[in-house]
């Protein structure tokens, strides 16, 4: 596997190349990365899998917020005013 560091990639292509870690307290696989998007600067990019193995993405400019808080917040359908979602298919 080649390194994705310092390369321009589509979000869905990048998500396929990274290995997600099992998060037992969340009951899913996930990883949080800091990525640079030209339009938005540095953002936190979270990739998770749903119960069927499909990748789901969450993007926020809250750089200090941890992965658990972001996933729990999204599952409860509550997002802060300065967060945005790349794909809104998370379970309610």
Protein backbone atom coordinates (compact mmCIF):
# COMPACT_ATOMS: atom_id res chain seq x y z
CA UNK A 1 0.00 0.00 0.00
CA UNK A 2 1.44 3.35 -0.97
CA UNK A 3 1.45 6.26 1.42
CA UNK A 4 -1.42 8.74 1.21
CA UNK A 5 0.66 11.43 2.89
CA UNK A 6 1.10 14.67 0.91
CA UNK A 7 -0.99 13.44 -2.00
CA UNK A 8 -4.16 14.84 -3.53
CA UNK A 9 -6.92 12.27 -3.26
CA UNK A 10 -10.67 12.08 -3.36
CA UNK A 11 -12.22 11.47 0.06
CA UNK A 12 -13.80 8.16 -0.95
CA UNK A 13 -10.51 6.92 -2.45
CA UNK A 14 -8.59 7.89 0.68
CA UNK A 15 -11.15 6.20 2.93
CA UNK A 16 -10.57 2.91 1.08
CA UNK A 17 -6.80 3.02 1.71
CA UNK A 18 -6.74 3.64 5.47
CA UNK A 19 -7.14 0.97 8.13
CA UNK A 20 -9.89 1.58 10.67
CA UNK A 21 -9.44 0.57 14.31
CA UNK A 22 -12.11 -1.28 16.29
CA UNK A 23 -13.69 0.99 18.89
CA UNK A 24 -15.46 -1.34 21.37
CA UNK A 25 -17.12 1.49 23.31
CA UNK A 26 -18.75 2.67 20.06
CA UNK A 27 -19.32 -0.77 18.56
CA UNK A 28 -17.75 0.16 15.21
CA UNK A 29 -14.50 0.65 13.33
CA UNK A 30 -13.32 4.25 13.00
CA UNK A 31 -10.39 6.60 12.55
CA UNK A 32 -10.00 10.37 12.84
CA UNK A 33 -7.47 12.25 10.71
CA UNK A 34 -6.50 15.84 10.15
CA UNK A 35 -6.66 16.66 6.44
CA UNK A 36 -6.15 19.80 4.40
CA UNK A 37 -8.95 20.88 2.09
CA UNK A 38 -8.10 23.94 -0.01
CA UNK A 39 -11.53 25.51 0.45
CA UNK A 40 -11.78 24.86 4.22
CA UNK A 41 -8.12 24.60 5.36
CA UNK A 42 -7.35 21.92 7.98
CA UNK A 43 -10.36 19.88 9.13
CA UNK A 44 -10.92 16.72 11.17
CA UNK A 45 -12.00 13.87 8.89
CA UNK A 46 -13.65 10.87 10.56
CA UNK A 47 -14.25 7.60 8.72
CA UNK A 48 -16.47 4.90 10.26
CA UNK A 49 -18.22 1.77 9.07
CA UNK A 50 -21.91 1.21 9.55
CA UNK A 51 -23.37 -2.18 10.48
CA UNK A 52 -23.17 -3.34 6.85
CA UNK A 53 -19.50 -2.50 6.26
CA UNK A 54 -20.15 0.69 4.26
CA UNK A 55 -17.87 3.66 4.90
CA UNK A 56 -19.37 6.80 6.38
CA UNK A 57 -17.64 10.18 6.62
CA UNK A 58 -17.84 13.10 9.00
CA UNK A 59 -15.97 16.36 8.50
CA UNK A 60 -15.70 19.11 11.10
CA UNK A 61 -13.58 22.16 11.79
CA UNK A 62 -13.57 21.34 15.52
CA UNK A 63 -9.97 20.14 15.54
CA UNK A 64 -9.74 19.50 19.30
CA UNK A 65 -12.89 17.35 19.54
CA UNK A 66 -12.16 13.66 19.99
CA UNK A 67 -13.47 10.84 17.81
CA UNK A 68 -15.89 9.45 20.39
CA UNK A 69 -17.59 12.79 20.95
CA UNK A 70 -17.98 13.37 17.19
CA UNK A 71 -19.51 9.94 16.57
CA UNK A 72 -21.87 10.13 19.55
CA UNK A 73 -22.95 13.65 18.59
CA UNK A 74 -23.69 12.59 15.04
CA UNK A 75 -25.59 9.48 16.13
CA UNK A 76 -27.83 11.67 18.27
CA UNK A 77 -28.40 13.94 15.21
CA UNK A 78 -27.01 16.91 17.10
CA UNK A 79 -24.28 18.87 15.35
CA UNK A 80 -22.83 22.17 16.39
CA UNK A 81 -23.19 25.19 14.16
CA UNK A 82 -19.63 25.00 12.83
CA UNK A 83 -19.69 21.32 11.82
CA UNK A 84 -20.54 19.94 8.44
CA UNK A 85 -21.29 16.44 7.28
CA UNK A 86 -19.80 14.90 4.16
CA UNK A 87 -22.45 12.20 3.85
CA UNK A 88 -25.56 12.07 6.02
CA UNK A 89 -26.37 8.36 6.29
CA UNK A 90 -25.52 7.72 9.94
CA UNK A 91 -27.94 5.69 12.03
CA UNK A 92 -30.26 7.70 14.19
